[in-house]
C-alpha cells in the first residue's frame, strides 16, 4: 500500500465519525480509533482486507511493481512535505478550537508518516 492510502484511510475514519485515540497500534504504529465502543486500527484492518483480496485472486507482487512503488515513495515524500506546509499555514490563521485540533492531529499523522518513509 502507498503511504497516501494510509492518510486516506485515517482521514476517512475521522469523517465517518470515529474518534482518533492517543494510543497507537503496536503492530504498525498508526493511531488507534474508536467507534461504537470498538477500538481498532484502520490501517491494519485495511492491510488484512488487501491481503485477502490478493490471496483470493492469486496475485503476487512483481519486481516491476516493487520498482514502481519505490518511485512513488519519492513523490509521496514531496507531497507530504507540501501538505505539512499547507496545514501549517492553515493553523496560523485558525481560531476555532475543534479545527485547530483537527489540523494538529493531521499534522501529527503526516509527520509520523514522513519519518517512517525516510
Protein backbone atom coordinates (compact mmCIF):
# COMPACT_ATOMS: atom_id res chain seq x y z
CA UNK A 1 0.00 0.00 0.00
CA UNK A 2 1.15 3.51 -0.71
CA UNK A 3 1.59 5.99 2.12
CA UNK A 4 -1.09 8.33 0.79
CA UNK A 5 -3.53 5.44 1.10
CA UNK A 6 -2.79 5.34 4.84
CA UNK A 7 -3.60 9.03 5.11
CA UNK A 8 -6.86 8.49 3.22
CA UNK A 9 -7.77 5.57 5.48
CA UNK A 10 -7.16 7.62 8.64
CA UNK A 11 -8.96 10.69 7.26
CA UNK A 12 -11.95 8.61 6.20
CA UNK A 13 -12.26 7.18 9.69
CA UNK A 14 -12.47 10.71 11.10
CA UNK A 15 -15.08 11.62 8.50
CA UNK A 16 -17.10 8.53 9.43
CA UNK A 17 -17.30 9.83 12.99
CA UNK A 18 -14.63 7.65 14.54
CA UNK A 19 -12.58 9.13 17.34
CA UNK A 20 -8.78 9.12 16.99
CA UNK A 21 -7.22 7.96 20.24
CA UNK A 22 -3.89 8.99 21.70
CA UNK A 23 -2.88 5.30 21.74
CA UNK A 24 -1.08 3.78 18.77
CA UNK A 25 -1.18 0.35 17.18
CA UNK A 26 1.66 -1.86 18.40
CA UNK A 27 1.85 -3.54 15.01
CA UNK A 28 2.02 -0.57 12.59
CA UNK A 29 2.42 2.49 14.82
CA UNK A 30 -0.56 4.41 13.43
CA UNK A 31 -3.19 5.89 15.78
CA UNK A 32 -5.98 3.67 17.05
CA UNK A 33 -9.59 4.70 16.53
CA UNK A 34 -12.80 4.10 18.45
CA UNK A 35 -16.33 3.86 17.12
CA UNK A 36 -19.39 2.37 18.77
CA UNK A 37 -17.22 1.14 21.66
CA UNK A 38 -14.86 -0.77 19.36
CA UNK A 39 -11.16 0.18 19.42
CA UNK A 40 -9.38 -0.72 16.20
CA UNK A 41 -6.55 0.11 13.84
CA UNK A 42 -7.98 1.06 10.44
CA UNK A 43 -4.59 0.66 8.75
CA UNK A 44 -4.10 -2.94 9.90
CA UNK A 45 -7.71 -3.78 9.06
CA UNK A 46 -7.25 -2.42 5.53
CA UNK A 47 -3.98 -4.31 5.09
CA UNK A 48 -5.75 -7.53 6.10
CA UNK A 49 -8.51 -6.81 3.58
CA UNK A 50 -5.94 -6.21 0.82
CA UNK A 51 -4.10 -9.43 1.71
CA UNK A 52 -7.36 -11.38 1.46
CA UNK A 53 -8.06 -9.79 -1.93
CA UNK A 54 -4.59 -10.69 -3.18
CA UNK A 55 -4.80 -14.26 -1.88
CA UNK A 56 -8.28 -14.62 -3.34
CA UNK A 57 -7.10 -13.55 -6.78
CA UNK A 58 -3.79 -15.40 -6.54
CA UNK A 59 -1.78 -12.30 -7.41
CA UNK A 60 1.81 -11.74 -6.35
CA UNK A 61 3.88 -8.57 -6.40
CA UNK A 62 6.29 -8.49 -9.27
CA UNK A 63 9.71 -6.91 -9.36
CA UNK A 64 8.39 -4.27 -11.75
CA UNK A 65 5.60 -3.32 -9.36
CA UNK A 66 8.09 -3.10 -6.48
CA UNK A 67 10.18 -0.68 -8.57
CA UNK A 68 7.11 1.42 -9.36
CA UNK A 69 6.19 1.62 -5.67
CA UNK A 70 9.69 2.85 -4.81
CA UNK A 71 9.39 5.59 -7.43
CA UNK A 72 6.04 6.64 -5.97
CA UNK A 73 7.52 6.89 -2.47
CA UNK A 74 9.80 9.70 -3.61
CA UNK A 75 6.80 11.64 -4.87
CA UNK A 76 4.82 10.87 -1.74
CA UNK A 77 7.56 12.37 0.43
CA UNK A 78 7.31 15.64 -1.50
CA UNK A 79 3.52 15.58 -1.37
CA UNK A 80 3.55 15.04 2.39
CA UNK A 81 6.00 17.91 2.87
CA UNK A 82 3.74 20.18 0.81
CA UNK A 83 0.71 19.15 2.86
CA UNK A 84 2.56 19.78 6.13
CA UNK A 85 3.47 23.28 4.94
CA UNK A 86 -0.09 23.90 3.77
CA UNK A 87 -1.57 22.79 7.09
CA UNK A 88 1.00 24.85 8.98
CA UNK A 89 -0.24 27.95 7.18
CA UNK A 90 -3.86 26.98 7.86
CA UNK A 91 -3.05 26.51 11.54
CA UNK A 92 -1.57 30.02 11.79
CA UNK A 93 -4.85 31.59 10.74
CA UNK A 94 -7.26 29.23 12.50
CA UNK A 95 -9.13 30.35 15.65
CA UNK A 96 -11.71 27.59 16.06
CA UNK A 97 -10.53 25.09 18.69
CA UNK A 98 -12.00 21.99 17.04
CA UNK A 99 -10.44 22.93 13.71
CA UNK A 100 -7.06 23.57 15.39
CA UNK A 101 -7.24 20.13 16.98
CA UNK A 102 -8.17 18.52 13.66
CA UNK A 103 -5.28 20.22 11.85
CA UNK A 104 -2.84 19.32 14.64
CA UNK A 105 -3.88 15.66 14.55
CA UNK A 106 -3.47 15.55 10.79
CA UNK A 107 -0.05 17.22 11.04
CA UNK A 108 0.96 14.63 13.64
CA UNK A 109 -0.01 11.79 11.30
CA UNK A 110 1.74 13.34 8.31
CA UNK A 111 4.95 13.96 10.27
CA UNK A 112 4.88 10.40 11.58
CA UNK A 113 4.44 9.04 8.06
CA UNK A 114 7.22 11.27 6.77
CA UNK A 115 9.59 9.92 9.43
CA UNK A 116 8.67 6.33 8.52
CA UNK A 117 9.34 6.72 4.82
CA UNK A 118 12.70 8.45 5.26
